[in-house]
Amino acid sequence: MSVDRSGNCYSCGRPLNAEDYPRGSFCPGCRAETRCCRNCEFYSPSQNNRCREPQAERVLDKEASNFCEFFRPRAGGPDQPQSRRPSPASGDSAKAAFDALFKRKPRE
């Protein structure tokens, strides 16, 4: 499977192009291996095997190159958790988002 997206190095945050992800490649900034779990958008420390892809085979060393066929480069800087959830909001904006979700008019 070819990688057709760009992302950022999990270690130093350096932008990486699609060509920077073949197995055995290293980040030009910090020399961390690029095609590894920590650089994948499915990497999640809170998930089983630290991966959100349920069909992926278990990889013990999350910072070493691997052959995972589900690998997709992740965007984000060094050690930033990848999440599709919005960042925590204040109570007022959270309530407004909830109301918008259920199409309620905000209380005045």
N, C-alpha and C. Protein backbone atom coordinates (compact mmCIF):
# COMPACT_ATOMS: atom_id res chain seq x y z
N MET A 1 0.85 -1.18 0.00
CA MET A 1 0.00 0.00 0.00
C MET A 1 0.89 1.23 0.00
N SER A 2 0.65 2.15 -0.88
CA SER A 2 1.48 3.35 -0.92
C SER A 2 0.87 4.42 -0.04
N VAL A 3 1.74 5.19 0.55
CA VAL A 3 1.31 6.29 1.40
C VAL A 3 1.24 7.52 0.53
N ASP A 4 0.08 8.17 0.49
CA ASP A 4 -0.09 9.30 -0.41
C ASP A 4 -0.36 10.60 0.32
N ARG A 5 -0.04 10.64 1.63
CA ARG A 5 -0.28 11.85 2.40
C ARG A 5 0.98 12.27 3.13
N SER A 6 0.98 13.50 3.56
CA SER A 6 2.09 14.00 4.36
C SER A 6 1.66 14.07 5.82
N GLY A 7 2.63 14.26 6.69
CA GLY A 7 2.34 14.34 8.12
C GLY A 7 3.51 15.01 8.83
N ASN A 8 3.61 14.74 10.13
CA ASN A 8 4.66 15.31 10.94
C ASN A 8 5.34 14.23 11.76
N CYS A 9 6.61 14.40 12.04
CA CYS A 9 7.37 13.47 12.86
C CYS A 9 6.84 13.49 14.29
N TYR A 10 6.64 12.32 14.88
CA TYR A 10 6.15 12.24 16.25
C TYR A 10 7.19 12.76 17.24
N SER A 11 8.44 12.70 16.89
CA SER A 11 9.52 13.05 17.81
C SER A 11 9.86 14.54 17.81
N CYS A 12 10.03 15.12 16.63
CA CYS A 12 10.46 16.52 16.55
C CYS A 12 9.42 17.44 15.93
N GLY A 13 8.36 16.88 15.33
CA GLY A 13 7.31 17.70 14.73
C GLY A 13 7.61 18.18 13.32
N ARG A 14 8.74 17.80 12.77
CA ARG A 14 9.13 18.23 11.43
C ARG A 14 8.11 17.74 10.40
N PRO A 15 7.71 18.60 9.46
CA PRO A 15 6.81 18.16 8.39
C PRO A 15 7.49 17.09 7.52
N LEU A 16 6.74 16.06 7.19
CA LEU A 16 7.24 14.98 6.35
C LEU A 16 6.35 14.85 5.13
N ASN A 17 6.96 14.56 3.98
CA ASN A 17 6.22 14.35 2.74
C ASN A 17 5.89 12.87 2.59
N ALA A 18 5.02 12.56 1.65
CA ALA A 18 4.64 11.17 1.40
C ALA A 18 5.87 10.31 1.10
N GLU A 19 6.91 10.90 0.48
CA GLU A 19 8.11 10.14 0.12
C GLU A 19 8.97 9.80 1.34
N ASP A 20 8.68 10.38 2.49
CA ASP A 20 9.48 10.17 3.70
C ASP A 20 9.05 8.96 4.52
N TYR A 21 8.10 8.17 4.04
CA TYR A 21 7.55 7.08 4.84
C TYR A 21 7.86 5.66 4.40
N PRO A 22 8.81 5.40 3.51
CA PRO A 22 9.07 3.99 3.23
C PRO A 22 9.69 3.31 4.45
N ARG A 23 9.51 2.01 4.56
CA ARG A 23 10.06 1.28 5.70
C ARG A 23 11.58 1.47 5.73
N GLY A 24 12.10 1.73 6.91
CA GLY A 24 13.54 1.91 7.07
C GLY A 24 14.01 3.34 6.85
N SER A 25 13.07 4.28 6.65
CA SER A 25 13.45 5.69 6.47
C SER A 25 13.47 6.41 7.81
N PHE A 26 14.24 7.49 7.84
CA PHE A 26 14.40 8.25 9.07
C PHE A 26 14.04 9.71 8.85
N CYS A 27 13.57 10.36 9.90
CA CYS A 27 13.26 11.78 9.86
C CYS A 27 14.56 12.56 9.63
N PRO A 28 14.58 13.47 8.66
CA PRO A 28 15.80 14.25 8.42
C PRO A 28 16.15 15.17 9.59
N GLY A 29 15.19 15.47 10.47
CA GLY A 29 15.45 16.37 11.58
C GLY A 29 16.03 15.69 12.80
N CYS A 30 15.46 14.54 13.20
CA CYS A 30 15.88 13.91 14.46
C CYS A 30 16.32 12.46 14.30
N ARG A 31 16.24 11.92 13.11
CA ARG A 31 16.66 10.55 12.79
C ARG A 31 15.76 9.48 13.41
N ALA A 32 14.54 9.83 13.80
CA ALA A 32 13.57 8.83 14.27
C ALA A 32 13.03 8.10 13.05
N GLU A 33 12.71 6.82 13.20
CA GLU A 33 12.14 6.07 12.08
C GLU A 33 10.76 6.66 11.75
N THR A 34 10.49 6.77 10.46
CA THR A 34 9.26 7.46 10.05
C THR A 34 8.06 6.53 9.90
N ARG A 35 8.23 5.33 9.37
CA ARG A 35 7.09 4.44 9.18
C ARG A 35 6.93 3.57 10.43
N CYS A 36 6.41 4.20 11.46
CA CYS A 36 6.23 3.52 12.74
C CYS A 36 4.86 3.90 13.31
N CYS A 37 4.44 3.16 14.31
CA CYS A 37 3.13 3.40 14.92
C CYS A 37 2.98 4.82 15.44
N ARG A 38 4.02 5.36 16.04
CA ARG A 38 3.93 6.70 16.63
C ARG A 38 3.67 7.77 15.57
N ASN A 39 3.96 7.51 14.31
CA ASN A 39 3.72 8.46 13.22
C ASN A 39 2.40 8.17 12.50
N CYS A 40 1.63 7.25 12.99
CA CYS A 40 0.39 6.84 12.31
C CYS A 40 -0.82 7.53 12.93
N GLU A 41 -1.79 7.88 12.11
CA GLU A 41 -3.00 8.53 12.62
C GLU A 41 -3.82 7.60 13.50
N PHE A 42 -3.62 6.29 13.41
CA PHE A 42 -4.35 5.35 14.25
C PHE A 42 -3.72 5.14 15.62
N TYR A 43 -2.51 5.64 15.84
CA TYR A 43 -1.84 5.49 17.13
C TYR A 43 -2.63 6.21 18.21
N SER A 44 -2.92 5.50 19.29
CA SER A 44 -3.65 6.09 20.41
C SER A 44 -3.27 5.35 21.68
N PRO A 45 -2.54 5.99 22.59
CA PRO A 45 -2.10 5.32 23.82
C PRO A 45 -3.24 4.77 24.67
N SER A 46 -4.44 5.29 24.52
CA SER A 46 -5.56 4.84 25.35
C SER A 46 -6.27 3.61 24.79
N GLN A 47 -5.92 3.18 23.60
CA GLN A 47 -6.59 2.04 22.96
C GLN A 47 -5.84 0.73 23.21
N ASN A 48 -6.55 -0.36 23.02
CA ASN A 48 -5.93 -1.68 23.09
C ASN A 48 -4.79 -1.75 22.07
N ASN A 49 -3.66 -2.21 22.47
CA ASN A 49 -2.46 -2.27 21.61
C ASN A 49 -2.03 -0.89 21.12
N ARG A 50 -2.57 0.16 21.73
CA ARG A 50 -2.27 1.55 21.37
C ARG A 50 -2.57 1.85 19.91
N CYS A 51 -3.64 1.23 19.38
CA CYS A 51 -4.02 1.42 17.99
C CYS A 51 -5.54 1.44 17.86
N ARG A 52 -6.07 2.43 17.12
CA ARG A 52 -7.52 2.51 16.90
C ARG A 52 -7.99 1.62 15.76
N GLU A 53 -7.07 1.03 15.00
CA GLU A 53 -7.46 0.15 13.90
C GLU A 53 -7.60 -1.27 14.46
N PRO A 54 -8.81 -1.81 14.56
CA PRO A 54 -9.01 -3.11 15.19
C PRO A 54 -8.43 -4.29 14.40
N GLN A 55 -8.19 -4.12 13.11
CA GLN A 55 -7.68 -5.23 12.30
C GLN A 55 -6.15 -5.26 12.23
N ALA A 56 -5.51 -4.23 12.74
CA ALA A 56 -4.05 -4.17 12.66
C ALA A 56 -3.41 -5.22 13.56
N GLU A 57 -2.33 -5.80 13.08
CA GLU A 57 -1.59 -6.76 13.90
C GLU A 57 -0.85 -6.01 14.99
N ARG A 58 -0.63 -6.69 16.10
CA ARG A 58 0.05 -6.08 17.23
C ARG A 58 1.51 -5.79 16.89
N VAL A 59 1.95 -4.60 17.24
CA VAL A 59 3.34 -4.19 17.07
C VAL A 59 3.87 -3.82 18.45
N LEU A 60 4.93 -4.47 18.89
CA LEU A 60 5.44 -4.23 20.23
C LEU A 60 6.21 -2.91 20.34
N ASP A 61 7.11 -2.66 19.40
CA ASP A 61 7.91 -1.44 19.45
C ASP A 61 7.24 -0.38 18.58
N LYS A 62 6.58 0.56 19.20
CA LYS A 62 5.80 1.57 18.49
C LYS A 62 6.67 2.63 17.81
N GLU A 63 7.98 2.62 18.07
CA GLU A 63 8.88 3.60 17.47
C GLU A 63 9.79 2.98 16.41
N ALA A 64 9.58 1.70 16.10
CA ALA A 64 10.39 1.01 15.09
C ALA A 64 9.59 0.85 13.80
N SER A 65 10.30 0.82 12.69
CA SER A 65 9.65 0.59 11.39
C SER A 65 8.89 -0.73 11.43
N ASN A 66 7.75 -0.76 10.74
CA ASN A 66 6.98 -2.00 10.69
C ASN A 66 6.29 -2.13 9.34
N PHE A 67 5.59 -3.22 9.15
CA PHE A 67 4.94 -3.52 7.87
C PHE A 67 3.43 -3.34 7.92
N CYS A 68 2.91 -2.58 8.86
CA CYS A 68 1.46 -2.45 9.00
C CYS A 68 0.84 -1.90 7.72
N GLU A 69 -0.14 -2.60 7.22
CA GLU A 69 -0.79 -2.17 5.98
C GLU A 69 -1.83 -1.07 6.19
N PHE A 70 -2.13 -0.75 7.45
CA PHE A 70 -3.10 0.30 7.75
C PHE A 70 -2.44 1.64 8.03
N PHE A 71 -1.12 1.72 7.94
CA PHE A 71 -0.38 2.94 8.27
C PHE A 71 -0.86 4.13 7.45
N ARG A 72 -1.13 5.24 8.15
CA ARG A 72 -1.44 6.52 7.52
C ARG A 72 -0.70 7.60 8.31
N PRO A 73 0.05 8.46 7.63
CA PRO A 73 0.78 9.52 8.34
C PRO A 73 -0.15 10.40 9.15
N ARG A 74 0.32 10.76 10.32
CA ARG A 74 -0.49 11.62 11.18
C ARG A 74 0.02 13.05 11.12
N ALA A 75 -0.89 13.98 11.23
CA ALA A 75 -0.52 15.39 11.33
C ALA A 75 -0.36 15.71 12.81
N GLY A 76 0.41 16.70 13.13
CA GLY A 76 0.59 17.09 14.52
C GLY A 76 2.06 17.15 14.87
N GLY A 77 2.37 17.78 15.93
CA GLY A 77 3.75 17.97 16.36
C GLY A 77 4.22 16.87 17.27
N PRO A 78 5.37 17.08 17.90
CA PRO A 78 5.94 16.06 18.76
C PRO A 78 5.04 15.74 19.94
N ASP A 79 4.82 14.45 20.14
CA ASP A 79 4.06 13.92 21.27
C ASP A 79 2.69 14.55 21.47
N GLN A 80 2.10 15.05 20.40
CA GLN A 80 0.73 15.56 20.50
C GLN A 80 -0.22 14.40 20.28
N PRO A 81 -1.14 14.18 21.21
CA PRO A 81 -2.07 13.08 21.00
C PRO A 81 -2.95 13.36 19.80
N GLN A 82 -3.21 12.35 19.02
CA GLN A 82 -4.09 12.48 17.87
C GLN A 82 -5.50 12.13 18.30
N SER A 83 -6.39 13.01 18.06
CA SER A 83 -7.77 12.79 18.42
C SER A 83 -8.66 13.57 17.47
N ARG A 84 -9.76 13.00 17.12
CA ARG A 84 -10.71 13.70 16.28
C ARG A 84 -11.70 14.49 17.12
N ARG A 85 -11.61 14.39 18.42
CA ARG A 85 -12.50 15.13 19.30
C ARG A 85 -12.02 16.56 19.43
N PRO A 86 -12.94 17.49 19.62
CA PRO A 86 -12.52 18.87 19.85
C PRO A 86 -11.86 19.00 21.21
N SER A 87 -11.05 20.01 21.37
CA SER A 87 -10.39 20.23 22.65
C SER A 87 -11.43 20.60 23.69
N PRO A 88 -11.10 20.36 24.97
CA PRO A 88 -12.07 20.69 26.01
C PRO A 88 -12.47 22.16 25.94
N ALA A 89 -13.74 22.40 26.11
CA ALA A 89 -14.26 23.77 25.99
C ALA A 89 -14.81 24.22 27.33
N SER A 90 -15.04 25.48 27.43
CA SER A 90 -15.64 26.00 28.65
C SER A 90 -17.09 25.53 28.72
N GLY A 91 -17.70 25.65 29.90
CA GLY A 91 -19.07 25.18 30.09
C GLY A 91 -20.05 25.86 29.15
N ASP A 92 -19.91 27.16 28.92
CA ASP A 92 -20.85 27.88 28.06
C ASP A 92 -20.77 27.41 26.61
N SER A 93 -19.54 27.28 26.09
CA SER A 93 -19.42 26.86 24.69
C SER A 93 -19.79 25.39 24.53
N ALA A 94 -19.54 24.58 25.55
CA ALA A 94 -19.95 23.17 25.48
C ALA A 94 -21.47 23.07 25.45
N LYS A 95 -22.13 23.89 26.27
CA LYS A 95 -23.60 23.89 26.28
C LYS A 95 -24.14 24.37 24.94
N ALA A 96 -23.51 25.39 24.36
CA ALA A 96 -23.94 25.91 23.06
C ALA A 96 -23.78 24.83 21.99
N ALA A 97 -22.68 24.08 22.05
CA ALA A 97 -22.46 23.00 21.09
C ALA A 97 -23.51 21.91 21.26
N PHE A 98 -23.84 21.58 22.51
CA PHE A 98 -24.87 20.58 22.78
C PHE A 98 -26.22 21.04 22.25
N ASP A 99 -26.55 22.30 22.53
CA ASP A 99 -27.82 22.84 22.04
C ASP A 99 -27.88 22.85 20.52
N ALA A 100 -26.75 23.19 19.88
CA ALA A 100 -26.71 23.20 18.42
C ALA A 100 -26.88 21.79 17.87
N LEU A 101 -26.32 20.82 18.57
CA LEU A 101 -26.43 19.44 18.13
C LEU A 101 -27.88 18.99 18.10
N PHE A 102 -28.63 19.38 19.10
CA PHE A 102 -30.03 18.99 19.21
C PHE A 102 -30.99 20.11 18.79
N LYS A 103 -30.42 21.13 18.14
CA LYS A 103 -31.18 22.24 17.58
C LYS A 103 -32.06 22.96 18.59
N ARG A 104 -31.55 23.08 19.80
CA ARG A 104 -32.25 23.86 20.81
C ARG A 104 -31.82 25.31 20.69
N LYS A 105 -32.70 26.18 21.05
CA LYS A 105 -32.34 27.58 21.10
C LYS A 105 -31.65 27.84 22.43
N PRO A 106 -30.55 28.59 22.44
CA PRO A 106 -29.86 28.86 23.71
C PRO A 106 -30.75 29.64 24.66
N ARG A 107 -30.62 29.36 25.95
CA ARG A 107 -31.37 30.10 26.97
C ARG A 107 -30.79 31.48 27.10
N GLU A 108 -31.64 32.41 27.36
CA GLU A 108 -31.18 33.79 27.52
C GLU A 108 -31.37 34.28 28.92
